[in-house]
Protein backbone atom coordinates (compact mmCIF):
# COMPACT_ATOMS: atom_id res chain seq x y z
CA UNK A 1 0.00 0.00 0.00
CA UNK A 2 1.35 3.38 -0.99
CA UNK A 3 1.72 6.18 1.53
CA UNK A 4 1.30 8.94 -1.02
CA UNK A 5 -0.25 12.26 -0.09
CA UNK A 6 -2.61 14.08 -2.44
CA UNK A 7 -1.45 13.96 -6.03
CA UNK A 8 2.18 13.21 -5.08
CA UNK A 9 3.28 9.78 -6.23
CA UNK A 10 6.86 9.26 -5.04
CA UNK A 11 9.16 6.29 -5.34
CA UNK A 12 8.58 3.31 -3.07
CA UNK A 13 11.37 1.97 -0.88
CA UNK A 14 11.97 -1.37 0.80
CA UNK A 15 11.85 -0.73 4.53
CA UNK A 16 11.20 -4.21 5.91
CA UNK A 17 13.63 -6.89 6.86
CA UNK A 18 17.06 -6.77 8.41
CA UNK A 19 19.05 -3.82 7.12
CA UNK A 20 22.47 -5.52 7.30
CA UNK A 21 21.27 -8.65 5.50
CA UNK A 22 19.61 -6.54 2.81
CA UNK A 23 22.80 -4.52 2.35
CA UNK A 24 25.01 -7.62 2.05
CA UNK A 25 22.61 -9.24 -0.43
CA UNK A 26 22.48 -6.08 -2.54
CA UNK A 27 26.27 -5.77 -2.67
CA UNK A 28 26.69 -9.45 -3.57
CA UNK A 29 24.09 -9.15 -6.33
CA UNK A 30 26.02 -6.24 -7.86
CA UNK A 31 28.77 -8.76 -8.65
CA UNK A 32 26.51 -11.75 -9.29
CA UNK A 33 24.54 -10.09 -12.10
CA UNK A 34 27.81 -9.67 -13.96
CA UNK A 35 29.44 -13.06 -13.39
CA UNK A 36 27.15 -15.67 -11.77
CA UNK A 37 26.21 -18.38 -14.31
CA UNK A 38 22.59 -18.67 -13.09
CA UNK A 39 21.77 -15.18 -11.85
CA UNK A 40 23.24 -13.22 -14.78
CA UNK A 41 20.83 -14.71 -17.38
CA UNK A 42 17.91 -14.26 -14.98
CA UNK A 43 18.76 -10.58 -14.50
CA UNK A 44 19.29 -9.97 -18.23
CA UNK A 45 16.02 -11.73 -19.10
CA UNK A 46 14.05 -9.56 -16.68
CA UNK A 47 15.65 -6.29 -17.85
CA UNK A 48 15.07 -7.25 -21.50
CA UNK A 49 11.42 -7.94 -20.65
CA UNK A 50 11.09 -4.34 -19.43
CA UNK A 51 11.50 -4.67 -15.66
CA UNK A 52 13.32 -1.81 -13.93
CA UNK A 53 16.92 -2.74 -13.13
CA UNK A 54 16.50 -2.42 -9.38
CA UNK A 55 13.38 -4.62 -9.46
CA UNK A 56 15.31 -7.27 -11.39
CA UNK A 57 18.13 -7.03 -8.84
CA UNK A 58 15.70 -7.53 -5.94
CA UNK A 59 14.29 -10.62 -7.68
CA UNK A 60 17.84 -11.98 -8.00
CA UNK A 61 18.46 -11.17 -4.33
CA UNK A 62 15.43 -13.24 -3.40
CA UNK A 63 16.61 -16.14 -5.57
CA UNK A 64 20.07 -15.97 -3.98
CA UNK A 65 18.56 -15.86 -0.49
CA UNK A 66 16.41 -18.91 -1.27
CA UNK A 67 19.49 -20.81 -2.45
CA UNK A 68 21.47 -19.80 0.66
CA UNK A 69 18.63 -20.75 3.02
CA UNK A 70 18.37 -24.17 1.36
CA UNK A 71 22.12 -24.68 1.71
CA UNK A 72 21.98 -23.87 5.43
CA UNK A 73 18.90 -26.05 5.97
CA UNK A 74 20.44 -29.07 4.24
CA UNK A 75 23.98 -28.46 5.49
CA UNK A 76 25.35 -28.53 1.95
CA UNK A 77 27.91 -26.52 0.02
CA UNK A 78 27.42 -24.70 -3.28
CA UNK A 79 26.36 -26.95 -6.15
CA UNK A 80 25.85 -25.69 -9.72
CA UNK A 81 22.78 -27.93 -10.13
CA UNK A 82 21.01 -26.32 -7.16
CA UNK A 83 20.31 -23.01 -8.89
């Protein structure tokens, strides 16, 4: 839900979640969208489809977080087939 006043329609910001985790994920995605074999094509596909770059980055952050949570849950290390 937007918190806009009157006719003003400003940009929306992500305020929820843990700030430090969000910051670390964002910084890691900056590198991942350039080099990661699974996340780079995902990012490029979304941007080509017309998504804003930051929105595509947030989607990649969520994908990366899902992969990391699964690794912690299963006690496994990185595996190319997992992504």
